[in-house]
C-alpha atoms as a PDB file:
ATOM      1  CA  UNK A   1       7.857 293.826 104.610  1.00  0.00           C
ATOM      2  CA  UNK A   2       8.896 291.597 101.716  1.00  0.00           C
ATOM      3  CA  UNK A   3       8.807 293.090  98.236  1.00  0.00           C
ATOM      4  CA  UNK A   4       6.382 290.248  97.524  1.00  0.00           C
ATOM      5  CA  UNK A   5       3.905 292.061  99.741  1.00  0.00           C
ATOM      6  CA  UNK A   6       4.226 295.208  97.648  1.00  0.00           C
ATOM      7  CA  UNK A   7       2.193 296.001  94.599  1.00  0.00           C
ATOM      8  CA  UNK A   8       4.892 296.632  92.010  1.00  0.00           C
ATOM      9  CA  UNK A   9       5.084 298.664  88.800  1.00  0.00           C
ATOM     10  CA  UNK A  10       7.837 298.367  86.201  1.00  0.00           C
ATOM     11  CA  UNK A  11       8.366 301.796  84.592  1.00  0.00           C
ATOM     12  CA  UNK A  12      10.449 302.927  81.632  1.00  0.00           C
ATOM     13  CA  UNK A  13      11.772 306.298  80.372  1.00  0.00           C
ATOM     14  CA  UNK A  14      11.244 308.080  77.089  1.00  0.00           C
ATOM     15  CA  UNK A  15      13.516 310.011  74.783  1.00  0.00           C
ATOM     16  CA  UNK A  16      16.255 312.298  76.051  1.00  0.00           C
ATOM     17  CA  UNK A  17      18.074 310.143  78.621  1.00  0.00           C
ATOM     18  CA  UNK A  18      20.533 308.467  76.220  1.00  0.00           C
ATOM     19  CA  UNK A  19      24.307 308.658  76.676  1.00  0.00           C
ATOM     20  CA  UNK A  20      27.407 307.326  74.933  1.00  0.00           C
ATOM     21  CA  UNK A  21      28.432 303.956  76.325  1.00  0.00           C
ATOM     22  CA  UNK A  22      24.908 303.035  77.365  1.00  0.00           C
ATOM     23  CA  UNK A  23      24.165 299.296  77.668  1.00  0.00           C
ATOM     24  CA  UNK A  24      27.785 298.219  77.254  1.00  0.00           C
ATOM     25  CA  UNK A  25      28.178 296.724  80.747  1.00  0.00           C
ATOM     26  CA  UNK A  26      24.990 294.689  80.331  1.00  0.00           C
ATOM     27  CA  UNK A  27      26.015 293.424  76.872  1.00  0.00           C
ATOM     28  CA  UNK A  28      29.403 292.280  78.192  1.00  0.00           C
ATOM     29  CA  UNK A  29      27.612 289.972  80.631  1.00  0.00           C
ATOM     30  CA  UNK A  30      24.895 288.606  78.349  1.00  0.00           C
ATOM     31  CA  UNK A  31      25.574 287.416  74.811  1.00  0.00           C
ATOM     32  CA  UNK A  32      21.833 287.207  74.102  1.00  0.00           C
ATOM     33  CA  UNK A  33      21.737 291.006  74.233  1.00  0.00           C
ATOM     34  CA  UNK A  34      24.385 291.160  71.508  1.00  0.00           C
ATOM     35  CA  UNK A  35      22.267 288.780  69.445  1.00  0.00           C
ATOM     36  CA  UNK A  36      19.260 291.097  69.844  1.00  0.00           C
ATOM     37  CA  UNK A  37      21.289 294.004  68.470  1.00  0.00           C
ATOM     38  CA  UNK A  38      22.547 291.854  65.608  1.00  0.00           C
ATOM     39  CA  UNK A  39      18.955 290.941  64.707  1.00  0.00           C
ATOM     40  CA  UNK A  40      18.090 294.660  64.729  1.00  0.00           C
ATOM     41  CA  UNK A  41      21.046 295.387  62.428  1.00  0.00           C
ATOM     42  CA  UNK A  42      19.920 292.755  59.957  1.00  0.00           C
ATOM     43  CA  UNK A  43      16.326 294.010  60.012  1.00  0.00           C
ATOM     44  CA  UNK A  44      17.022 297.739  59.724  1.00  0.00           C
ATOM     45  CA  UNK A  45      20.593 298.083  58.445  1.00  0.00           C
ATOM     46  CA  UNK A  46      21.453 300.062  61.584  1.00  0.00           C
ATOM     47  CA  UNK A  47      24.496 299.171  63.696  1.00  0.00           C
ATOM     48  CA  UNK A  48      22.971 300.324  66.974  1.00  0.00           C
ATOM     49  CA  UNK A  49      25.754 298.724  69.011  1.00  0.00           C
ATOM     50  CA  UNK A  50      28.361 301.004  67.415  1.00  0.00           C
ATOM     51  CA  UNK A  51      26.122 304.060  67.748  1.00  0.00           C
ATOM     52  CA  UNK A  52      25.556 303.446  71.467  1.00  0.00           C
ATOM     53  CA  UNK A  53      29.209 302.658  72.090  1.00  0.00           C
ATOM     54  CA  UNK A  54      31.035 305.221  69.955  1.00  0.00           C
ATOM     55  CA  UNK A  55      28.408 307.671  68.708  1.00  0.00           C
ATOM     56  CA  UNK A  56      29.076 310.268  67.645  1.00  0.00           C
ATOM     57  CA  UNK A  57      26.692 311.843  70.118  1.00  0.00           C
ATOM     58  CA  UNK A  58      24.841 313.787  67.412  1.00  0.00           C
ATOM     59  CA  UNK A  59      23.958 310.501  65.708  1.00  0.00           C
ATOM     60  CA  UNK A  60      22.803 308.890  68.959  1.00  0.00           C
ATOM     61  CA  UNK A  61      20.540 311.922  69.491  1.00  0.00           C
ATOM     62  CA  UNK A  62      18.723 311.294  66.217  1.00  0.00           C
ATOM     63  CA  UNK A  63      15.221 310.145  67.120  1.00  0.00           C
ATOM     64  CA  UNK A  64      15.302 307.037  64.911  1.00  0.00           C
ATOM     65  CA  UNK A  65      18.366 305.805  66.829  1.00  0.00           C
ATOM     66  CA  UNK A  66      17.613 307.255  70.254  1.00  0.00           C
ATOM     67  CA  UNK A  67      14.304 305.459  70.598  1.00  0.00           C
ATOM     68  CA  UNK A  68      15.520 301.888  69.973  1.00  0.00           C
ATOM     69  CA  UNK A  69      18.686 302.587  72.002  1.00  0.00           C
ATOM     70  CA  UNK A  70      16.739 303.639  75.091  1.00  0.00           C
ATOM     71  CA  UNK A  71      14.278 300.790  74.670  1.00  0.00           C
ATOM     72  CA  UNK A  72      17.141 298.302  74.373  1.00  0.00           C
ATOM     73  CA  UNK A  73      18.988 299.729  77.387  1.00  0.00           C
ATOM     74  CA  UNK A  74      15.827 299.555  79.510  1.00  0.00           C
ATOM     75  CA  UNK A  75      15.182 295.985  78.366  1.00  0.00           C
ATOM     76  CA  UNK A  76      18.778 294.987  79.141  1.00  0.00           C
ATOM     77  CA  UNK A  77      18.497 296.390  82.663  1.00  0.00           C
ATOM     78  CA  UNK A  78      15.197 294.604  83.272  1.00  0.00           C
ATOM     79  CA  UNK A  79      16.438 291.297  81.811  1.00  0.00           C
ATOM     80  CA  UNK A  80      19.543 291.485  83.999  1.00  0.00           C
ATOM     81  CA  UNK A  81      17.476 291.940  87.162  1.00  0.00           C
ATOM     82  CA  UNK A  82      15.071 289.144  86.274  1.00  0.00           C
ATOM     83  CA  UNK A  83      18.031 286.791  85.898  1.00  0.00           C
ATOM     84  CA  UNK A  84      18.941 287.515  89.522  1.00  0.00           C
ATOM     85  CA  UNK A  85      15.626 287.754  91.291  1.00  0.00           C
ATOM     86  CA  UNK A  86      12.121 286.359  90.859  1.00  0.00           C
ATOM     87  CA  UNK A  87       9.929 289.444  90.657  1.00  0.00           C
ATOM     88  CA  UNK A  88       6.958 290.329  88.491  1.00  0.00           C
ATOM     89  CA  UNK A  89       4.987 293.558  88.087  1.00  0.00           C
ATOM     90  CA  UNK A  90       1.337 294.228  88.813  1.00  0.00           C
ATOM     91  CA  UNK A  91       1.457 297.108  86.327  1.00  0.00           C
ATOM     92  CA  UNK A  92       3.800 298.293  83.591  1.00  0.00           C
ATOM     93  CA  UNK A  93       4.042 301.827  82.244  1.00  0.00           C
ATOM     94  CA  UNK A  94       6.392 303.961  80.195  1.00  0.00           C
ATOM     95  CA  UNK A  95       6.803 307.593  79.273  1.00  0.00           C
ATOM     96  CA  UNK A  96       6.097 308.044  75.537  1.00  0.00           C
ATOM     97  CA  UNK A  97       8.430 305.569  73.767  1.00  0.00           C
ATOM     98  CA  UNK A  98       8.789 303.888  77.170  1.00  0.00           C
ATOM     99  CA  UNK A  99       5.286 302.515  76.700  1.00  0.00           C
ATOM    100  CA  UNK A 100       6.694 300.216  74.014  1.00  0.00           C
ATOM    101  CA  UNK A 101       9.302 298.972  76.506  1.00  0.00           C
ATOM    102  CA  UNK A 102       6.490 298.362  78.972  1.00  0.00           C
ATOM    103  CA  UNK A 103       4.819 296.182  76.345  1.00  0.00           C
ATOM    104  CA  UNK A 104       7.953 294.067  76.151  1.00  0.00           C
ATOM    105  CA  UNK A 105       7.877 293.756  79.951  1.00  0.00           C
ATOM    106  CA  UNK A 106       4.313 292.392  79.967  1.00  0.00           C
ATOM    107  CA  UNK A 107       4.809 290.172  76.909  1.00  0.00           C
ATOM    108  CA  UNK A 108       2.619 292.036  74.430  1.00  0.00           C
ATOM    109  CA  UNK A 109       5.605 292.663  72.133  1.00  0.00           C
ATOM    110  CA  UNK A 110       8.837 290.764  71.723  1.00  0.00           C
ATOM    111  CA  UNK A 111      12.024 292.803  71.974  1.00  0.00           C
ATOM    112  CA  UNK A 112      12.937 292.613  68.291  1.00  0.00           C
ATOM    113  CA  UNK A 113       9.516 293.816  67.099  1.00  0.00           C
ATOM    114  CA  UNK A 114       9.456 296.566  69.719  1.00  0.00           C
ATOM    115  CA  UNK A 115      12.876 297.889  68.682  1.00  0.00           C
ATOM    116  CA  UNK A 116      11.856 297.822  65.035  1.00  0.00           C
ATOM    117  CA  UNK A 117       8.605 299.676  65.750  1.00  0.00           C
ATOM    118  CA  UNK A 118      10.219 302.492  67.739  1.00  0.00           C
ATOM    119  CA  UNK A 119      12.953 302.849  65.109  1.00  0.00           C
ATOM    120  CA  UNK A 120      10.249 303.361  62.488  1.00  0.00           C
ATOM    121  CA  UNK A 121       8.242 305.513  64.909  1.00  0.00           C
ATOM    122  CA  UNK A 122      11.268 307.778  65.288  1.00  0.00           C
ATOM    123  CA  UNK A 123      11.623 308.103  61.518  1.00  0.00           C
ATOM    124  CA  UNK A 124       7.908 308.848  61.144  1.00  0.00           C
ATOM    125  CA  UNK A 125       7.840 311.479  63.907  1.00  0.00           C
ATOM    126  CA  UNK A 126      10.569 313.458  62.149  1.00  0.00           C
ATOM    127  CA  UNK A 127       9.252 312.990  58.609  1.00  0.00           C
ATOM    128  CA  UNK A 128       5.687 313.947  59.556  1.00  0.00           C
ATOM    129  CA  UNK A 129       6.706 317.442  60.602  1.00  0.00           C
ATOM    130  CA  UNK A 130       7.149 318.183  56.893  1.00  0.00           C
ATOM    131  CA  UNK A 131       9.510 321.134  57.188  1.00  0.00           C
ATOM    132  CA  UNK A 132       7.264 323.375  59.309  1.00  0.00           C
ATOM    133  CA  UNK A 133       8.999 325.431  62.032  1.00  0.00           C
ATOM    134  CA  UNK A 134       8.303 323.713  65.359  1.00  0.00           C
ATOM    135  CA  UNK A 135       9.397 323.821  68.978  1.00  0.00           C
ATOM    136  CA  UNK A 136       8.991 322.063  72.310  1.00  0.00           C
ATOM    137  CA  UNK A 137       9.657 323.607  75.715  1.00  0.00           C
ATOM    138  CA  UNK A 138       9.387 322.545  79.342  1.00  0.00           C
ATOM    139  CA  UNK A 139       7.610 324.985  81.642  1.00  0.00           C
ATOM    140  CA  UNK A 140       8.424 324.782  85.353  1.00  0.00           C
ATOM    141  CA  UNK A 141       6.246 326.206  88.111  1.00  0.00           C
ATOM    142  CA  UNK A 142       2.685 326.659  86.862  1.00  0.00           C
ATOM    143  CA  UNK A 143       0.132 323.893  87.277  1.00  0.00           C
ATOM    144  CA  UNK A 144      -0.929 321.724  84.366  1.00  0.00           C
ATOM    145  CA  UNK A 145      -4.254 323.568  84.135  1.00  0.00           C
ATOM    146  CA  UNK A 146      -2.437 326.892  83.960  1.00  0.00           C
ATOM    147  CA  UNK A 147      -0.179 325.629  81.166  1.00  0.00           C
ATOM    148  CA  UNK A 148      -3.238 324.402  79.271  1.00  0.00           C
ATOM    149  CA  UNK A 149      -4.705 327.901  79.530  1.00  0.00           C
ATOM    150  CA  UNK A 150      -1.434 329.463  78.304  1.00  0.00           C
ATOM    151  CA  UNK A 151      -1.558 327.190  75.245  1.00  0.00           C
ATOM    152  CA  UNK A 152      -5.198 328.014  74.617  1.00  0.00           C
ATOM    153  CA  UNK A 153      -4.442 331.741  74.710  1.00  0.00           C
ATOM    154  CA  UNK A 154      -1.401 331.316  72.441  1.00  0.00           C
ATOM    155  CA  UNK A 155      -3.306 329.150  69.966  1.00  0.00           C
ATOM    156  CA  UNK A 156      -4.497 332.312  68.202  1.00  0.00           C
ATOM    157  CA  UNK A 157      -0.895 332.442  66.908  1.00  0.00           C
ATOM    158  CA  UNK A 158      -0.804 328.804  65.771  1.00  0.00           C
ATOM    159  CA  UNK A 159      -0.928 325.217  67.023  1.00  0.00           C
ATOM    160  CA  UNK A 160       0.452 324.702  70.535  1.00  0.00           C
ATOM    161  CA  UNK A 161      -0.581 322.058  73.053  1.00  0.00           C
ATOM    162  CA  UNK A 162       0.418 320.725  76.448  1.00  0.00           C
ATOM    163  CA  UNK A 163       2.297 317.612  75.342  1.00  0.00           C
ATOM    164  CA  UNK A 164       3.763 315.971  78.463  1.00  0.00           C
ATOM    165  CA  UNK A 165       2.422 316.261  81.993  1.00  0.00           C
ATOM    166  CA  UNK A 166       5.626 315.127  83.701  1.00  0.00           C
ATOM    167  CA  UNK A 167       5.119 316.336  87.277  1.00  0.00           C
ATOM    168  CA  UNK A 168       2.565 318.592  88.977  1.00  0.00           C
ATOM    169  CA  UNK A 169       4.842 321.560  88.200  1.00  0.00           C
ATOM    170  CA  UNK A 170       6.573 320.521  84.973  1.00  0.00           C
ATOM    171  CA  UNK A 171       4.654 320.470  81.712  1.00  0.00           C
ATOM    172  CA  UNK A 172       6.102 320.273  78.214  1.00  0.00           C
ATOM    173  CA  UNK A 173       4.439 322.203  75.397  1.00  0.00           C
ATOM    174  CA  UNK A 174       4.704 321.391  71.701  1.00  0.00           C
ATOM    175  CA  UNK A 175       3.622 322.829  68.383  1.00  0.00           C
ATOM    176  CA  UNK A 176       4.369 325.496  65.799  1.00  0.00           C
ATOM    177  CA  UNK A 177       7.391 327.539  66.795  1.00  0.00           C
ATOM    178  CA  UNK A 178       5.662 330.924  66.809  1.00  0.00           C
ATOM    179  CA  UNK A 179       2.819 329.637  68.972  1.00  0.00           C
ATOM    180  CA  UNK A 180       5.175 327.885  71.405  1.00  0.00           C
ATOM    181  CA  UNK A 181       7.161 331.102  71.845  1.00  0.00           C
ATOM    182  CA  UNK A 182       3.919 332.974  72.493  1.00  0.00           C
ATOM    183  CA  UNK A 183       2.903 330.429  75.142  1.00  0.00           C
ATOM    184  CA  UNK A 184       6.343 330.812  76.739  1.00  0.00           C
ATOM    185  CA  UNK A 185       5.842 334.597  76.941  1.00  0.00           C
ATOM    186  CA  UNK A 186       2.450 334.123  78.581  1.00  0.00           C
ATOM    187  CA  UNK A 187       3.954 331.647  81.047  1.00  0.00           C
ATOM    188  CA  UNK A 188       6.730 334.090  81.976  1.00  0.00           C
ATOM    189  CA  UNK A 189       4.191 336.848  82.515  1.00  0.00           C
ATOM    190  CA  UNK A 190       2.331 334.510  84.844  1.00  0.00           C
ATOM    191  CA  UNK A 191       5.266 333.636  87.074  1.00  0.00           C
ATOM    192  CA  UNK A 192       6.837 330.549  85.479  1.00  0.00           C
ATOM    193  CA  UNK A 193       9.995 329.730  87.445  1.00  0.00           C
ATOM    194  CA  UNK A 194      11.910 328.335  84.513  1.00  0.00           C
ATOM    195  CA  UNK A 195      11.374 327.660  80.815  1.00  0.00           C
ATOM    196  CA  UNK A 196      13.807 325.680  78.747  1.00  0.00           C
ATOM    197  CA  UNK A 197      13.587 324.721  75.070  1.00  0.00           C
ATOM    198  CA  UNK A 198      14.033 321.032  74.235  1.00  0.00           C
ATOM    199  CA  UNK A 199      16.381 319.819  71.509  1.00  0.00           C
ATOM    200  CA  UNK A 200      13.997 317.622  69.528  1.00  0.00           C
ATOM    201  CA  UNK A 201      13.458 316.670  65.918  1.00  0.00           C
ATOM    202  CA  UNK A 202       9.747 317.392  65.744  1.00  0.00           C
ATOM    203  CA  UNK A 203       6.655 318.678  67.521  1.00  0.00           C
ATOM    204  CA  UNK A 204       6.064 315.432  69.370  1.00  0.00           C
ATOM    205  CA  UNK A 205       2.653 314.685  70.911  1.00  0.00           C
ATOM    206  CA  UNK A 206       0.995 317.429  68.885  1.00  0.00           C
ATOM    207  CA  UNK A 207      -1.306 317.555  65.848  1.00  0.00           C
ATOM    208  CA  UNK A 208       1.649 318.638  63.698  1.00  0.00           C
ATOM    209  CA  UNK A 209       2.836 315.037  63.355  1.00  0.00           C
ATOM    210  CA  UNK A 210      -0.541 313.412  62.719  1.00  0.00           C
ATOM    211  CA  UNK A 211       0.777 311.604  59.620  1.00  0.00           C
ATOM    212  CA  UNK A 212       3.159 309.646  61.840  1.00  0.00           C
ATOM    213  CA  UNK A 213       0.208 308.037  63.618  1.00  0.00           C
ATOM    214  CA  UNK A 214      -1.151 306.662  60.324  1.00  0.00           C
ATOM    215  CA  UNK A 215       2.254 305.348  59.270  1.00  0.00           C
ATOM    216  CA  UNK A 216       2.856 303.741  62.663  1.00  0.00           C
ATOM    217  CA  UNK A 217      -0.522 302.027  62.556  1.00  0.00           C
ATOM    218  CA  UNK A 218       0.472 300.258  59.325  1.00  0.00           C
ATOM    219  CA  UNK A 219       3.744 299.087  60.852  1.00  0.00           C
ATOM    220  CA  UNK A 220       2.003 297.849  64.013  1.00  0.00           C
ATOM    221  CA  UNK A 221      -0.363 295.780  61.880  1.00  0.00           C
ATOM    222  CA  UNK A 222       2.656 293.924  60.504  1.00  0.00           C
ATOM    223  CA  UNK A 223       3.795 292.540  63.892  1.00  0.00           C
ATOM    224  CA  UNK A 224       2.166 290.390  66.570  1.00  0.00           C
ATOM    225  CA  UNK A 225       0.600 291.979  69.647  1.00  0.00           C
ATOM    226  CA  UNK A 226       0.073 289.230  72.216  1.00  0.00           C
ATOM    227  CA  UNK A 227      -2.429 288.860  75.039  1.00  0.00           C
ATOM    228  CA  UNK A 228      -1.235 289.725  78.529  1.00  0.00           C
ATOM    229  CA  UNK A 229      -2.305 289.316  82.133  1.00  0.00           C
ATOM    230  CA  UNK A 230      -0.380 292.400  83.251  1.00  0.00           C
ATOM    231  CA  UNK A 231      -2.015 295.735  82.405  1.00  0.00           C
ATOM    232  CA  UNK A 232      -0.119 298.572  80.792  1.00  0.00           C
ATOM    233  CA  UNK A 233      -1.065 302.056  81.951  1.00  0.00           C
ATOM    234  CA  UNK A 234      -1.572 303.930  78.699  1.00  0.00           C
ATOM    235  CA  UNK A 235      -0.183 307.427  78.191  1.00  0.00           C
ATOM    236  CA  UNK A 236      -3.308 308.673  76.430  1.00  0.00           C
ATOM    237  CA  UNK A 237      -5.830 308.058  79.230  1.00  0.00           C
ATOM    238  CA  UNK A 238      -3.759 306.870  82.225  1.00  0.00           C
ATOM    239  CA  UNK A 239      -5.942 303.759  82.409  1.00  0.00           C
ATOM    240  CA  UNK A 240      -4.969 300.070  82.452  1.00  0.00           C
ATOM    241  CA  UNK A 241      -5.219 298.124  79.200  1.00  0.00           C
ATOM    242  CA  UNK A 242      -4.705 294.431  78.433  1.00  0.00           C
ATOM    243  CA  UNK A 243      -6.525 293.944  75.137  1.00  0.00           C
ATOM    244  CA  UNK A 244      -4.028 294.037  72.225  1.00  0.00           C
ATOM    245  CA  UNK A 245      -6.402 295.969  69.959  1.00  0.00           C
ATOM    246  CA  UNK A 246      -6.989 298.617  72.628  1.00  0.00           C
ATOM    247  CA  UNK A 247      -3.245 298.851  73.208  1.00  0.00           C
ATOM    248  CA  UNK A 248      -2.578 299.383  69.487  1.00  0.00           C
ATOM    249  CA  UNK A 249      -5.251 302.084  69.264  1.00  0.00           C
ATOM    250  CA  UNK A 250      -3.721 303.844  72.252  1.00  0.00           C
ATOM    251  CA  UNK A 251      -0.221 303.706  70.743  1.00  0.00           C
ATOM    252  CA  UNK A 252      -1.546 305.292  67.573  1.00  0.00           C
ATOM    253  CA  UNK A 253      -3.310 308.042  69.546  1.00  0.00           C
ATOM    254  CA  UNK A 254      -0.217 308.568  71.687  1.00  0.00           C
ATOM    255  CA  UNK A 255       1.666 310.086  68.721  1.00  0.00           C
ATOM    256  CA  UNK A 256      -0.501 313.227  68.806  1.00  0.00           C
ATOM    257  CA  UNK A 257      -1.947 313.025  72.334  1.00  0.00           C
ATOM    258  CA  UNK A 258      -0.607 314.371  75.617  1.00  0.00           C
ATOM    259  CA  UNK A 259       1.457 312.051  77.802  1.00  0.00           C
ATOM    260  CA  UNK A 260      -0.565 311.854  81.032  1.00  0.00           C
ATOM    261  CA  UNK A 261       2.331 310.753  83.200  1.00  0.00           C
ATOM    262  CA  UNK A 262       1.180 312.420  86.432  1.00  0.00           C
ATOM    263  CA  UNK A 263      -2.233 310.750  86.224  1.00  0.00           C
ATOM    264  CA  UNK A 264      -0.625 307.437  85.247  1.00  0.00           C
ATOM    265  CA  UNK A 265       1.497 307.385  88.398  1.00  0.00           C
ATOM    266  CA  UNK A 266      -1.371 308.608  90.562  1.00  0.00           C
ATOM    267  CA  UNK A 267      -3.658 305.893  89.213  1.00  0.00           C
ATOM    268  CA  UNK A 268      -1.087 303.175  89.919  1.00  0.00           C
ATOM    269  CA  UNK A 269      -0.699 304.477  93.472  1.00  0.00           C
ATOM    270  CA  UNK A 270      -4.479 304.589  93.923  1.00  0.00           C
ATOM    271  CA  UNK A 271      -4.554 300.932  92.812  1.00  0.00           C
ATOM    272  CA  UNK A 272      -2.161 300.110  95.663  1.00  0.00           C
ATOM    273  CA  UNK A 273       1.260 300.375  93.994  1.00  0.00           C
ATOM    274  CA  UNK A 274       3.915 301.095  96.610  1.00  0.00           C
ATOM    275  CA  UNK A 275       7.095 300.058  94.772  1.00  0.00           C
ATOM    276  CA  UNK A 276       8.240 301.327  91.373  1.00  0.00           C
ATOM    277  CA  UNK A 277      11.159 299.706  89.579  1.00  0.00           C
ATOM    278  CA  UNK A 278      12.624 301.966  86.905  1.00  0.00           C
ATOM    279  CA  UNK A 279      14.708 300.390  84.156  1.00  0.00           C
ATOM    280  CA  UNK A 280      16.608 302.723  81.845  1.00  0.00           C
ATOM    281  CA  UNK A 281      19.243 305.416  81.453  1.00  0.00           C
ATOM    282  CA  UNK A 282      19.710 308.373  83.791  1.00  0.00           C
ATOM    283  CA  UNK A 283      16.953 307.662  86.377  1.00  0.00           C
ATOM    284  CA  UNK A 284      14.704 310.377  84.940  1.00  0.00           C
ATOM    285  CA  UNK A 285      11.471 308.583  85.801  1.00  0.00           C
ATOM    286  CA  UNK A 286      12.435 308.229  89.472  1.00  0.00           C
ATOM    287  CA  UNK A 287      12.771 311.998  89.756  1.00  0.00           C
ATOM    288  CA  UNK A 288       9.345 312.506  88.223  1.00  0.00           C
ATOM    289  CA  UNK A 289       7.659 309.910  90.430  1.00  0.00           C
ATOM    290  CA  UNK A 290       9.103 311.388  93.618  1.00  0.00           C
ATOM    291  CA  UNK A 291       7.660 314.776  92.646  1.00  0.00           C
ATOM    292  CA  UNK A 292       4.273 313.168  92.063  1.00  0.00           C
ATOM    293  CA  UNK A 293       4.174 311.076  95.251  1.00  0.00           C
ATOM    294  CA  UNK A 294       7.040 311.224  97.734  1.00  0.00           C
ATOM    295  CA  UNK A 295       5.642 308.335  99.809  1.00  0.00           C
ATOM    296  CA  UNK A 296       6.289 305.555  97.295  1.00  0.00           C
ATOM    297  CA  UNK A 297       9.539 303.630  96.942  1.00  0.00           C
ATOM    298  CA  UNK A 298      11.442 303.914  93.660  1.00  0.00           C
ATOM    299  CA  UNK A 299      14.423 301.729  92.743  1.00  0.00           C
ATOM    300  CA  UNK A 300      16.260 302.602  89.515  1.00  0.00           C
ATOM    301  CA  UNK A 301      18.568 300.426  87.430  1.00  0.00           C
ATOM    302  CA  UNK A 302      20.772 302.117  84.822  1.00  0.00           C
ATOM    303  CA  UNK A 303      24.002 300.104  85.115  1.00  0.00           C
ATOM    304  CA  UNK A 304      25.614 297.084  86.735  1.00  0.00           C
ATOM    305  CA  UNK A 305      26.258 298.862  90.061  1.00  0.00           C
ATOM    306  CA  UNK A 306      22.579 299.851  90.207  1.00  0.00           C
ATOM    307  CA  UNK A 307      21.699 296.233  89.419  1.00  0.00           C
ATOM    308  CA  UNK A 308      23.752 294.942  92.323  1.00  0.00           C
ATOM    309  CA  UNK A 309      22.370 297.589  94.684  1.00  0.00           C
ATOM    310  CA  UNK A 310      18.785 296.878  93.602  1.00  0.00           C
ATOM    311  CA  UNK A 311      19.210 293.129  94.010  1.00  0.00           C
ATOM    312  CA  UNK A 312      20.562 293.559  97.538  1.00  0.00           C
ATOM    313  CA  UNK A 313      17.826 296.010  98.470  1.00  0.00           C
ATOM    314  CA  UNK A 314      15.038 293.809  97.137  1.00  0.00           C
ATOM    315  CA  UNK A 315      16.432 290.770  98.930  1.00  0.00           C
ATOM    316  CA  UNK A 316      16.424 292.744 102.173  1.00  0.00           C
ATOM    317  CA  UNK A 317      12.811 293.852 101.805  1.00  0.00           C
END
């Protein structure tokens, strides 16, 4: 079967998959990518090229740098494939910040505006926490409904919510530190296989950073959101969206809403998607998708070797 007979989704990762040296092999082959980074430097005063290349790692991990770096890396991987092979998606989707990359893929945002927005988004998500003790943790084992119930029980202690539904048995919780620790205790008592705290700069996808949504809305109103023929599957409701105003509203809601990644993948599969192309560092999304539906094909591109392998595989399909 040709890949042209597949329904295809382009998918993009969120924060946490960055690494020193990311994007360098793509930049060496495409001077336009260097120009994109130079435009970002002029717009924000941030030398993202140096941060991705040399770090230090603690700087690359800062949310305001991590988010544009991952978006850029994902874009570079996608651009490199599209230069080699004529392929277009039926759907685009991304995990948290990856939704902005998806909007570059379907033409709603241009790359320079998208990088600027996620840079500002990263700043806002940290600033909005306003000094309150916070935490995020991934809970492995219990179902999403069980994790929701753990959060509800722990909410007597403070704000804690199920933030990311990554796989049927991996859910991230977010909120006030004391309440998150209480939810962890409840999860352990109910047979959670593993719980691991996440090194983050804020209580992402929780009500604690509500101010960030208002600040992001103002920034989004300053850039152009274009019409598209290719729907993005929105994190907030796992439904396809093409209208720019709907997309903007969903991006604002996404700041404090849960990332419905499991439902997003399931909905794309129900709509006939059989091939997922992941663009971005570390192939995190591929692992999630395979845990959601092992019957679909996932091809990941993180580097030049992956690019060559993916091109050969797609040409053989």
